[in-house]
Amino acid sequence: MGSVVITSKHHDGFALWDCAYTTFDIMDATPYKRDILKELSEACRRQGSHLGSTSR
């Protein structure tokens, strides 16, 4: 796999990262309390894949 594209912010404004501008994010509004985009980004980097772009 060369790249991963994920919906990181829902149309209603919910963000899958720790956002400084709102508390309507995965860190503040859920019991999960983990920045999954950071984790996904780090995993992609370790595997040599691209996150968010299909161009190289």
PDB file of N, CA and C in Angstrom:
ATOM      1  N   MET A   1       0.848  -1.158   0.000  1.00  0.00           N
ATOM      2  CA  MET A   1       0.000   0.000   0.000  1.00  0.00           C
ATOM      3  C   MET A   1       0.900   1.230   0.000  1.00  0.00           C
ATOM      4  N   GLY A   2       0.558   2.185  -0.848  1.00  0.00           N
ATOM      5  CA  GLY A   2       1.373   3.379  -0.963  1.00  0.00           C
ATOM      6  C   GLY A   2       0.895   4.567  -0.164  1.00  0.00           C
ATOM      7  N   SER A   3      -0.425   4.623   0.117  1.00  0.00           N
ATOM      8  CA  SER A   3      -0.941   5.786   0.837  1.00  0.00           C
ATOM      9  C   SER A   3      -2.228   5.452   1.567  1.00  0.00           C
ATOM     10  N   VAL A   4      -2.557   6.288   2.547  1.00  0.00           N
ATOM     11  CA  VAL A   4      -3.788   6.167   3.335  1.00  0.00           C
ATOM     12  C   VAL A   4      -4.489   7.516   3.292  1.00  0.00           C
ATOM     13  N   VAL A   5      -5.776   7.515   2.969  1.00  0.00           N
ATOM     14  CA  VAL A   5      -6.579   8.733   3.009  1.00  0.00           C
ATOM     15  C   VAL A   5      -7.728   8.463   3.979  1.00  0.00           C
ATOM     16  N   ILE A   6      -7.902   9.323   4.963  1.00  0.00           N
ATOM     17  CA  ILE A   6      -8.905   9.126   6.010  1.00  0.00           C
ATOM     18  C   ILE A   6      -9.714  10.411   6.175  1.00  0.00           C
ATOM     19  N   THR A   7     -10.986  10.268   6.510  1.00  0.00           N
ATOM     20  CA  THR A   7     -11.803  11.436   6.835  1.00  0.00           C
ATOM     21  C   THR A   7     -11.432  11.853   8.255  1.00  0.00           C
ATOM     22  N   SER A   8     -10.696  12.935   8.362  1.00  0.00           N
ATOM     23  CA  SER A   8     -10.162  13.336   9.664  1.00  0.00           C
ATOM     24  C   SER A   8     -11.047  14.327  10.406  1.00  0.00           C
ATOM     25  N   LYS A   9     -11.972  14.966   9.680  1.00  0.00           N
ATOM     26  CA  LYS A   9     -12.909  15.888  10.318  1.00  0.00           C
ATOM     27  C   LYS A   9     -14.273  15.686   9.684  1.00  0.00           C
ATOM     28  N   HIS A  10     -15.238  15.334  10.498  1.00  0.00           N
ATOM     29  CA  HIS A  10     -16.590  15.048  10.038  1.00  0.00           C
ATOM     30  C   HIS A  10     -17.294  16.344   9.639  1.00  0.00           C
ATOM     31  N   HIS A  11     -18.319  16.242   8.816  1.00  0.00           N
ATOM     32  CA  HIS A  11     -19.037  17.441   8.355  1.00  0.00           C
ATOM     33  C   HIS A  11     -19.665  18.237   9.494  1.00  0.00           C
ATOM     34  N   ASP A  12     -19.884  17.597  10.633  1.00  0.00           N
ATOM     35  CA  ASP A  12     -20.454  18.323  11.773  1.00  0.00           C
ATOM     36  C   ASP A  12     -19.375  18.967  12.647  1.00  0.00           C
ATOM     37  N   GLY A  13     -18.097  18.817  12.253  1.00  0.00           N
ATOM     38  CA  GLY A  13     -17.015  19.486  12.962  1.00  0.00           C
ATOM     39  C   GLY A  13     -16.214  18.616  13.909  1.00  0.00           C
ATOM     40  N   PHE A  14     -16.599  17.354  14.094  1.00  0.00           N
ATOM     41  CA  PHE A  14     -15.854  16.469  14.996  1.00  0.00           C
ATOM     42  C   PHE A  14     -14.500  16.117  14.384  1.00  0.00           C
ATOM     43  N   ALA A  15     -13.439  16.328  15.146  1.00  0.00           N
ATOM     44  CA  ALA A  15     -12.079  16.099  14.651  1.00  0.00           C
ATOM     45  C   ALA A  15     -11.464  14.854  15.285  1.00  0.00           C
ATOM     46  N   LEU A  16     -10.717  14.106  14.488  1.00  0.00           N
ATOM     47  CA  LEU A  16     -10.037  12.897  14.966  1.00  0.00           C
ATOM     48  C   LEU A  16      -8.623  13.193  15.461  1.00  0.00           C
ATOM     49  N   TRP A  17      -8.342  14.438  15.836  1.00  0.00           N
ATOM     50  CA  TRP A  17      -7.061  14.814  16.403  1.00  0.00           C
ATOM     51  C   TRP A  17      -7.317  15.793  17.542  1.00  0.00           C
ATOM     52  N   ASP A  18      -6.310  16.034  18.337  1.00  0.00           N
ATOM     53  CA  ASP A  18      -6.421  16.975  19.446  1.00  0.00           C
ATOM     54  C   ASP A  18      -6.357  18.392  18.876  1.00  0.00           C
ATOM     55  N   CYS A  19      -7.505  19.049  18.824  1.00  0.00           N
ATOM     56  CA  CYS A  19      -7.625  20.349  18.183  1.00  0.00           C
ATOM     57  C   CYS A  19      -7.585  21.480  19.225  1.00  0.00           C
ATOM     58  N   ALA A  20      -6.788  22.484  18.975  1.00  0.00           N
ATOM     59  CA  ALA A  20      -6.654  23.613  19.898  1.00  0.00           C
ATOM     60  C   ALA A  20      -7.836  24.573  19.834  1.00  0.00           C
ATOM     61  N   TYR A  21      -8.676  24.471  18.805  1.00  0.00           N
ATOM     62  CA  TYR A  21      -9.740  25.444  18.584  1.00  0.00           C
ATOM     63  C   TYR A  21     -11.114  24.987  19.060  1.00  0.00           C
ATOM     64  N   THR A  22     -11.228  23.714  19.432  1.00  0.00           N
ATOM     65  CA  THR A  22     -12.521  23.194  19.871  1.00  0.00           C
ATOM     66  C   THR A  22     -12.313  22.028  20.829  1.00  0.00           C
ATOM     67  N   THR A  23     -13.331  21.738  21.615  1.00  0.00           N
ATOM     68  CA  THR A  23     -13.294  20.544  22.460  1.00  0.00           C
ATOM     69  C   THR A  23     -14.109  19.422  21.831  1.00  0.00           C
ATOM     70  N   PHE A  24     -14.595  19.653  20.602  1.00  0.00           N
ATOM     71  CA  PHE A  24     -15.364  18.641  19.888  1.00  0.00           C
ATOM     72  C   PHE A  24     -14.385  17.800  19.061  1.00  0.00           C
ATOM     73  N   ASP A  25     -13.510  17.108  19.805  1.00  0.00           N
ATOM     74  CA  ASP A  25     -12.506  16.272  19.168  1.00  0.00           C
ATOM     75  C   ASP A  25     -12.344  14.972  19.950  1.00  0.00           C
ATOM     76  N   ILE A  26     -11.564  14.068  19.392  1.00  0.00           N
ATOM     77  CA  ILE A  26     -11.431  12.731  19.978  1.00  0.00           C
ATOM     78  C   ILE A  26     -10.792  12.763  21.366  1.00  0.00           C
ATOM     79  N   MET A  27      -9.948  13.753  21.632  1.00  0.00           N
ATOM     80  CA  MET A  27      -9.283  13.838  22.932  1.00  0.00           C
ATOM     81  C   MET A  27     -10.203  14.352  24.029  1.00  0.00           C
ATOM     82  N   ASP A  28     -11.059  15.319  23.707  1.00  0.00           N
ATOM     83  CA  ASP A  28     -11.880  15.972  24.726  1.00  0.00           C
ATOM     84  C   ASP A  28     -13.308  15.449  24.817  1.00  0.00           C
ATOM     85  N   ALA A  29     -13.865  14.966  23.714  1.00  0.00           N
ATOM     86  CA  ALA A  29     -15.291  14.620  23.689  1.00  0.00           C
ATOM     87  C   ALA A  29     -15.559  13.120  23.734  1.00  0.00           C
ATOM     88  N   THR A  30     -14.506  12.305  23.882  1.00  0.00           N
ATOM     89  CA  THR A  30     -14.705  10.857  23.924  1.00  0.00           C
ATOM     90  C   THR A  30     -13.897  10.257  25.068  1.00  0.00           C
ATOM     91  N   PRO A  31     -14.246   9.055  25.483  1.00  0.00           N
ATOM     92  CA  PRO A  31     -13.432   8.384  26.500  1.00  0.00           C
ATOM     93  C   PRO A  31     -12.141   7.791  25.920  1.00  0.00           C
ATOM     94  N   TYR A  32     -11.981   7.809  24.589  1.00  0.00           N
ATOM     95  CA  TYR A  32     -10.805   7.221  23.935  1.00  0.00           C
ATOM     96  C   TYR A  32      -9.512   7.952  24.314  1.00  0.00           C
ATOM     97  N   LYS A  33      -9.546   9.295  24.299  1.00  0.00           N
ATOM     98  CA  LYS A  33      -8.446  10.139  24.788  1.00  0.00           C
ATOM     99  C   LYS A  33      -7.103   9.885  24.107  1.00  0.00           C
ATOM    100  N   ARG A  34      -7.143   9.498  22.822  1.00  0.00           N
ATOM    101  CA  ARG A  34      -5.903   9.300  22.068  1.00  0.00           C
ATOM    102  C   ARG A  34      -6.037   9.972  20.714  1.00  0.00           C
ATOM    103  N   ASP A  35      -4.962  10.575  20.259  1.00  0.00           N
ATOM    104  CA  ASP A  35      -4.917  11.244  18.967  1.00  0.00           C
ATOM    105  C   ASP A  35      -4.643  10.186  17.902  1.00  0.00           C
ATOM    106  N   ILE A  36      -5.707   9.664  17.282  1.00  0.00           N
ATOM    107  CA  ILE A  36      -5.520   8.553  16.351  1.00  0.00           C
ATOM    108  C   ILE A  36      -4.855   8.989  15.047  1.00  0.00           C
ATOM    109  N   LEU A  37      -4.980  10.253  14.667  1.00  0.00           N
ATOM    110  CA  LEU A  37      -4.273  10.701  13.461  1.00  0.00           C
ATOM    111  C   LEU A  37      -2.772  10.741  13.692  1.00  0.00           C
ATOM    112  N   LYS A  38      -2.362  11.110  14.883  1.00  0.00           N
ATOM    113  CA  LYS A  38      -0.936  11.081  15.209  1.00  0.00           C
ATOM    114  C   LYS A  38      -0.423   9.648  15.161  1.00  0.00           C
ATOM    115  N   GLU A  39      -1.175   8.723  15.741  1.00  0.00           N
ATOM    116  CA  GLU A  39      -0.776   7.323  15.738  1.00  0.00           C
ATOM    117  C   GLU A  39      -0.726   6.769  14.316  1.00  0.00           C
ATOM    118  N   LEU A  40      -1.726   7.105  13.492  1.00  0.00           N
ATOM    119  CA  LEU A  40      -1.760   6.648  12.112  1.00  0.00           C
ATOM    120  C   LEU A  40      -0.593   7.244  11.322  1.00  0.00           C
ATOM    121  N   SER A  41      -0.316   8.517  11.534  1.00  0.00           N
ATOM    122  CA  SER A  41       0.799   9.176  10.859  1.00  0.00           C
ATOM    123  C   SER A  41       2.125   8.498  11.199  1.00  0.00           C
ATOM    124  N   GLU A  42       2.328   8.210  12.466  1.00  0.00           N
ATOM    125  CA  GLU A  42       3.561   7.550  12.890  1.00  0.00           C
ATOM    126  C   GLU A  42       3.668   6.145  12.301  1.00  0.00           C
ATOM    127  N   ALA A  43       2.558   5.410  12.264  1.00  0.00           N
ATOM    128  CA  ALA A  43       2.561   4.063  11.687  1.00  0.00           C
ATOM    129  C   ALA A  43       2.855   4.104  10.190  1.00  0.00           C
ATOM    130  N   CYS A  44       2.269   5.055   9.483  1.00  0.00           N
ATOM    131  CA  CYS A  44       2.540   5.200   8.050  1.00  0.00           C
ATOM    132  C   CYS A  44       4.006   5.513   7.814  1.00  0.00           C
ATOM    133  N   ARG A  45       4.544   6.417   8.611  1.00  0.00           N
ATOM    134  CA  ARG A  45       5.951   6.791   8.465  1.00  0.00           C
ATOM    135  C   ARG A  45       6.856   5.591   8.682  1.00  0.00           C
ATOM    136  N   ARG A  46       6.565   4.781   9.698  1.00  0.00           N
ATOM    137  CA  ARG A  46       7.371   3.585   9.968  1.00  0.00           C
ATOM    138  C   ARG A  46       7.331   2.605   8.802  1.00  0.00           C
ATOM    139  N   GLN A  47       6.188   2.535   8.116  1.00  0.00           N
ATOM    140  CA  GLN A  47       6.023   1.591   7.017  1.00  0.00           C
ATOM    141  C   GLN A  47       6.420   2.164   5.656  1.00  0.00           C
ATOM    142  N   GLY A  48       6.766   3.432   5.624  1.00  0.00           N
ATOM    143  CA  GLY A  48       7.144   4.067   4.368  1.00  0.00           C
ATOM    144  C   GLY A  48       5.954   4.434   3.495  1.00  0.00           C
ATOM    145  N   SER A  49       4.766   4.527   4.088  1.00  0.00           N
ATOM    146  CA  SER A  49       3.554   4.911   3.361  1.00  0.00           C
ATOM    147  C   SER A  49       3.296   6.400   3.530  1.00  0.00           C
ATOM    148  N   HIS A  50       2.429   6.924   2.689  1.00  0.00           N
ATOM    149  CA  HIS A  50       2.055   8.343   2.745  1.00  0.00           C
ATOM    150  C   HIS A  50       0.680   8.473   3.385  1.00  0.00           C
ATOM    151  N   LEU A  51       0.482   9.484   4.184  1.00  0.00           N
ATOM    152  CA  LEU A  51      -0.808   9.754   4.810  1.00  0.00           C
ATOM    153  C   LEU A  51      -1.425  10.986   4.175  1.00  0.00           C
ATOM    154  N   GLY A  52      -2.607  10.841   3.613  1.00  0.00           N
ATOM    155  CA  GLY A  52      -3.371  11.981   3.111  1.00  0.00           C
ATOM    156  C   GLY A  52      -3.093  12.391   1.694  1.00  0.00           C
ATOM    157  N   SER A  53      -2.241  11.687   1.002  1.00  0.00           N
ATOM    158  CA  SER A  53      -1.919  12.076  -0.364  1.00  0.00           C
ATOM    159  C   SER A  53      -1.618  10.829  -1.183  1.00  0.00           C
ATOM    160  N   THR A  54      -2.115  10.836  -2.397  1.00  0.00           N
ATOM    161  CA  THR A  54      -1.820   9.715  -3.284  1.00  0.00           C
ATOM    162  C   THR A  54      -0.662  10.041  -4.208  1.00  0.00           C
ATOM    163  N   SER A  55      -0.183  11.288  -4.193  1.00  0.00           N
ATOM    164  CA  SER A  55       0.960  11.662  -5.021  1.00  0.00           C
ATOM    165  C   SER A  55       2.251  11.471  -4.242  1.00  0.00           C
ATOM    166  N   ARG A  56       3.305  11.233  -4.937  1.00  0.00           N
ATOM    167  CA  ARG A  56       4.597  11.011  -4.260  1.00  0.00           C
ATOM    168  C   ARG A  56       5.591  12.051  -4.641  1.00  0.00           C
TER     169      ARG A  56
END
